[in-house]
Amino acid sequence: MSVRSVLAAPAAAHVSVQQSAAGVTDLSAGRLGAIVAALLGLTGVVIGGLALARSTGRVRTGSGTGFRAGTGSGRNGAIVALAAGLIAMALGGLVVATSDGGIGTGNGLGGAFVALVVGLIGMVLGGLALARSRRAG
């Protein structure tokens, strides 16, 4: 047994353990989780914005034609936006915590950071709408 073979064994083991970056079209679990979290956060932002507009009186709450899709003070929308933002932040945080590579490795870390920010915005909009709907009602 030579010294060269003894020193080469740990290096070969290290190379076999390293993960390569995911391909451009591969959909890893981290990417999927980050996409779901970001879409959920975006849903919370849209619903929170609509609920905030409804609670300030900028959106009509009744149409007079029998179609009652816009009735209410925005409280339900605010609660949905808060829940969607919270779930988006939790899922984004889970992807950040379990990601074993950096940004650009295909583990969904960049999307998870986006989901954290968008989820926070959804929660803030939902909280503002809820506070305004409590004052108005």
C-alpha atoms as a PDB file:
ATOM      1  CA  MET A   1       0.000   0.000   0.000  1.00  0.00           C
ATOM      2  CA  SER A   2       1.574   3.245  -1.098  1.00  0.00           C
ATOM      3  CA  VAL A   3       1.217   6.657   0.485  1.00  0.00           C
ATOM      4  CA  ARG A   4      -0.394   7.965  -2.681  1.00  0.00           C
ATOM      5  CA  SER A   5      -3.291   5.467  -2.488  1.00  0.00           C
ATOM      6  CA  VAL A   6      -3.879   6.216   1.204  1.00  0.00           C
ATOM      7  CA  LEU A   7      -4.094   9.953   0.537  1.00  0.00           C
ATOM      8  CA  ALA A   8      -6.279   9.529  -2.553  1.00  0.00           C
ATOM      9  CA  ALA A   9      -8.995   7.490  -0.776  1.00  0.00           C
ATOM     10  CA  PRO A  10     -10.469  10.356   1.334  1.00  0.00           C
ATOM     11  CA  ALA A  11     -10.393  12.696  -1.670  1.00  0.00           C
ATOM     12  CA  ALA A  12     -12.298  10.186  -3.784  1.00  0.00           C
ATOM     13  CA  ALA A  13     -14.878   9.731  -1.022  1.00  0.00           C
ATOM     14  CA  HIS A  14     -15.309  13.508  -0.741  1.00  0.00           C
ATOM     15  CA  VAL A  15     -15.889  13.880  -4.473  1.00  0.00           C
ATOM     16  CA  SER A  16     -18.548  11.172  -4.486  1.00  0.00           C
ATOM     17  CA  VAL A  17     -20.484  12.846  -1.626  1.00  0.00           C
ATOM     18  CA  GLN A  18     -20.641  16.331  -3.183  1.00  0.00           C
ATOM     19  CA  GLN A  19     -23.872  17.195  -4.928  1.00  0.00           C
ATOM     20  CA  SER A  20     -23.928  18.895  -8.269  1.00  0.00           C
ATOM     21  CA  ALA A  21     -26.186  21.830  -9.031  1.00  0.00           C
ATOM     22  CA  ALA A  22     -29.633  20.969 -10.328  1.00  0.00           C
ATOM     23  CA  GLY A  23     -30.273  21.387 -14.028  1.00  0.00           C
ATOM     24  CA  VAL A  24     -32.220  24.314 -15.401  1.00  0.00           C
ATOM     25  CA  THR A  25     -35.323  22.250 -16.136  1.00  0.00           C
ATOM     26  CA  ASP A  26     -35.122  19.999 -13.068  1.00  0.00           C
ATOM     27  CA  LEU A  27     -37.820  20.526 -10.464  1.00  0.00           C
ATOM     28  CA  SER A  28     -36.254  19.686  -7.126  1.00  0.00           C
ATOM     29  CA  ALA A  29     -38.184  19.536  -3.860  1.00  0.00           C
ATOM     30  CA  GLY A  30     -36.683  22.858  -2.784  1.00  0.00           C
ATOM     31  CA  ARG A  31     -37.695  24.568  -6.002  1.00  0.00           C
ATOM     32  CA  LEU A  32     -41.211  23.168  -5.776  1.00  0.00           C
ATOM     33  CA  GLY A  33     -41.562  24.282  -2.158  1.00  0.00           C
ATOM     34  CA  ALA A  34     -40.276  27.753  -2.982  1.00  0.00           C
ATOM     35  CA  ILE A  35     -42.644  28.090  -5.954  1.00  0.00           C
ATOM     36  CA  VAL A  36     -45.656  27.014  -3.881  1.00  0.00           C
ATOM     37  CA  ALA A  37     -44.650  29.365  -1.054  1.00  0.00           C
ATOM     38  CA  ALA A  38     -44.144  32.319  -3.412  1.00  0.00           C
ATOM     39  CA  LEU A  39     -47.495  31.735  -5.155  1.00  0.00           C
ATOM     40  CA  LEU A  40     -49.240  31.444  -1.807  1.00  0.00           C
ATOM     41  CA  GLY A  41     -47.580  34.653  -0.644  1.00  0.00           C
ATOM     42  CA  LEU A  42     -48.598  36.403  -3.861  1.00  0.00           C
ATOM     43  CA  THR A  43     -52.169  35.252  -3.299  1.00  0.00           C
ATOM     44  CA  GLY A  44     -52.005  36.740   0.187  1.00  0.00           C
ATOM     45  CA  VAL A  45     -50.737  40.054  -1.217  1.00  0.00           C
ATOM     46  CA  VAL A  46     -53.549  40.263  -3.776  1.00  0.00           C
ATOM     47  CA  ILE A  47     -56.272  39.315  -1.302  1.00  0.00           C
ATOM     48  CA  GLY A  48     -54.789  41.601   1.351  1.00  0.00           C
ATOM     49  CA  GLY A  49     -54.673  44.505  -1.076  1.00  0.00           C
ATOM     50  CA  LEU A  50     -58.281  43.966  -2.091  1.00  0.00           C
ATOM     51  CA  ALA A  51     -59.357  43.651   1.544  1.00  0.00           C
ATOM     52  CA  LEU A  52     -57.487  46.842   2.422  1.00  0.00           C
ATOM     53  CA  ALA A  53     -59.118  48.693  -0.466  1.00  0.00           C
ATOM     54  CA  ARG A  54     -62.520  47.358   0.579  1.00  0.00           C
ATOM     55  CA  SER A  55     -62.023  48.380   4.212  1.00  0.00           C
ATOM     56  CA  THR A  56     -61.103  51.948   3.217  1.00  0.00           C
ATOM     57  CA  GLY A  57     -64.169  52.249   0.992  1.00  0.00           C
ATOM     58  CA  ARG A  58     -62.292  52.442  -2.310  1.00  0.00           C
ATOM     59  CA  VAL A  59     -64.076  49.423  -3.753  1.00  0.00           C
ATOM     60  CA  ARG A  60     -67.852  49.215  -4.047  1.00  0.00           C
ATOM     61  CA  THR A  61     -69.249  46.565  -1.741  1.00  0.00           C
ATOM     62  CA  GLY A  62     -72.509  45.998  -3.601  1.00  0.00           C
ATOM     63  CA  SER A  63     -73.529  46.149  -7.220  1.00  0.00           C
ATOM     64  CA  GLY A  64     -77.306  46.433  -6.931  1.00  0.00           C
ATOM     65  CA  THR A  65     -77.894  43.801  -9.618  1.00  0.00           C
ATOM     66  CA  GLY A  66     -78.218  40.824  -7.327  1.00  0.00           C
ATOM     67  CA  PHE A  67     -74.609  39.770  -7.793  1.00  0.00           C
ATOM     68  CA  ARG A  68     -73.205  39.890  -4.281  1.00  0.00           C
ATOM     69  CA  ALA A  69     -69.586  38.829  -4.742  1.00  0.00           C
ATOM     70  CA  GLY A  70     -68.187  42.064  -3.312  1.00  0.00           C
ATOM     71  CA  THR A  71     -70.273  42.383  -0.166  1.00  0.00           C
ATOM     72  CA  GLY A  72     -68.643  42.667   3.228  1.00  0.00           C
ATOM     73  CA  SER A  73     -66.184  44.882   5.030  1.00  0.00           C
ATOM     74  CA  GLY A  74     -62.988  43.072   4.015  1.00  0.00           C
ATOM     75  CA  ARG A  75     -62.548  41.233   7.315  1.00  0.00           C
ATOM     76  CA  ASN A  76     -62.651  37.758   5.759  1.00  0.00           C
ATOM     77  CA  GLY A  77     -60.178  38.771   3.085  1.00  0.00           C
ATOM     78  CA  ALA A  78     -57.874  40.194   5.724  1.00  0.00           C
ATOM     79  CA  ILE A  79     -57.920  36.930   7.666  1.00  0.00           C
ATOM     80  CA  VAL A  80     -57.247  34.912   4.491  1.00  0.00           C
ATOM     81  CA  ALA A  81     -54.352  37.233   3.594  1.00  0.00           C
ATOM     82  CA  LEU A  82     -52.885  36.834   7.084  1.00  0.00           C
ATOM     83  CA  ALA A  83     -53.136  33.051   6.891  1.00  0.00           C
ATOM     84  CA  ALA A  84     -51.711  32.850   3.363  1.00  0.00           C
ATOM     85  CA  GLY A  85     -48.809  35.124   4.283  1.00  0.00           C
ATOM     86  CA  LEU A  86     -48.060  33.122   7.413  1.00  0.00           C
ATOM     87  CA  ILE A  87     -48.082  29.786   5.569  1.00  0.00           C
ATOM     88  CA  ALA A  88     -45.918  31.256   2.780  1.00  0.00           C
ATOM     89  CA  MET A  89     -43.384  32.499   5.322  1.00  0.00           C
ATOM     90  CA  ALA A  90     -43.359  29.174   7.153  1.00  0.00           C
ATOM     91  CA  LEU A  91     -42.855  27.193   3.947  1.00  0.00           C
ATOM     92  CA  GLY A  92     -40.214  29.634   2.705  1.00  0.00           C
ATOM     93  CA  GLY A  93     -38.424  29.391   6.047  1.00  0.00           C
ATOM     94  CA  LEU A  94     -38.509  25.612   5.849  1.00  0.00           C
ATOM     95  CA  VAL A  95     -36.913  25.674   2.395  1.00  0.00           C
ATOM     96  CA  VAL A  96     -34.244  28.115   3.633  1.00  0.00           C
ATOM     97  CA  ALA A  97     -33.493  25.941   6.660  1.00  0.00           C
ATOM     98  CA  THR A  98     -33.234  22.697   4.704  1.00  0.00           C
ATOM     99  CA  SER A  99     -31.377  24.029   1.657  1.00  0.00           C
ATOM    100  CA  ASP A 100     -27.901  22.561   1.522  1.00  0.00           C
ATOM    101  CA  GLY A 101     -26.507  24.825  -1.195  1.00  0.00           C
ATOM    102  CA  GLY A 102     -26.334  28.498  -1.976  1.00  0.00           C
ATOM    103  CA  ILE A 103     -28.329  30.664  -4.311  1.00  0.00           C
ATOM    104  CA  GLY A 104     -28.060  29.384  -7.861  1.00  0.00           C
ATOM    105  CA  THR A 105     -27.553  25.717  -6.993  1.00  0.00           C
ATOM    106  CA  GLY A 106     -31.126  24.703  -7.787  1.00  0.00           C
ATOM    107  CA  ASN A 107     -32.219  24.120  -4.217  1.00  0.00           C
ATOM    108  CA  GLY A 108     -34.877  26.830  -4.216  1.00  0.00           C
ATOM    109  CA  LEU A 109     -33.047  29.146  -1.847  1.00  0.00           C
ATOM    110  CA  GLY A 110     -33.605  32.277  -3.959  1.00  0.00           C
ATOM    111  CA  GLY A 111     -37.295  31.509  -4.368  1.00  0.00           C
ATOM    112  CA  ALA A 112     -37.589  30.852  -0.653  1.00  0.00           C
ATOM    113  CA  PHE A 113     -36.207  34.310   0.126  1.00  0.00           C
ATOM    114  CA  VAL A 114     -38.717  35.801  -2.320  1.00  0.00           C
ATOM    115  CA  ALA A 115     -41.491  33.815  -0.613  1.00  0.00           C
ATOM    116  CA  LEU A 116     -40.424  35.157   2.793  1.00  0.00           C
ATOM    117  CA  VAL A 117     -40.604  38.760   1.576  1.00  0.00           C
ATOM    118  CA  VAL A 118     -43.874  38.338  -0.339  1.00  0.00           C
ATOM    119  CA  GLY A 119     -45.443  36.459   2.587  1.00  0.00           C
ATOM    120  CA  LEU A 120     -44.434  39.269   4.940  1.00  0.00           C
ATOM    121  CA  ILE A 121     -46.008  41.844   2.630  1.00  0.00           C
ATOM    122  CA  GLY A 122     -49.207  39.767   2.504  1.00  0.00           C
ATOM    123  CA  MET A 123     -49.297  39.577   6.290  1.00  0.00           C
ATOM    124  CA  VAL A 124     -48.777  43.337   6.644  1.00  0.00           C
ATOM    125  CA  LEU A 125     -51.565  44.108   4.153  1.00  0.00           C
ATOM    126  CA  GLY A 126     -53.875  41.614   5.857  1.00  0.00           C
ATOM    127  CA  GLY A 127     -53.097  43.076   9.279  1.00  0.00           C
ATOM    128  CA  LEU A 128     -53.764  46.613   8.102  1.00  0.00           C
ATOM    129  CA  ALA A 129     -57.045  45.560   6.504  1.00  0.00           C
ATOM    130  CA  LEU A 130     -58.078  43.708   9.651  1.00  0.00           C
ATOM    131  CA  ALA A 131     -57.294  46.695  11.848  1.00  0.00           C
ATOM    132  CA  ARG A 132     -59.264  49.022   9.576  1.00  0.00           C
ATOM    133  CA  SER A 133     -62.215  46.677   9.351  1.00  0.00           C
ATOM    134  CA  ARG A 134     -62.361  46.468  13.150  1.00  0.00           C
ATOM    135  CA  ARG A 135     -62.367  50.264  13.407  1.00  0.00           C
ATOM    136  CA  ALA A 136     -65.085  50.598  10.795  1.00  0.00           C
ATOM    137  CA  GLY A 137     -67.243  47.793  12.134  1.00  0.00           C
END
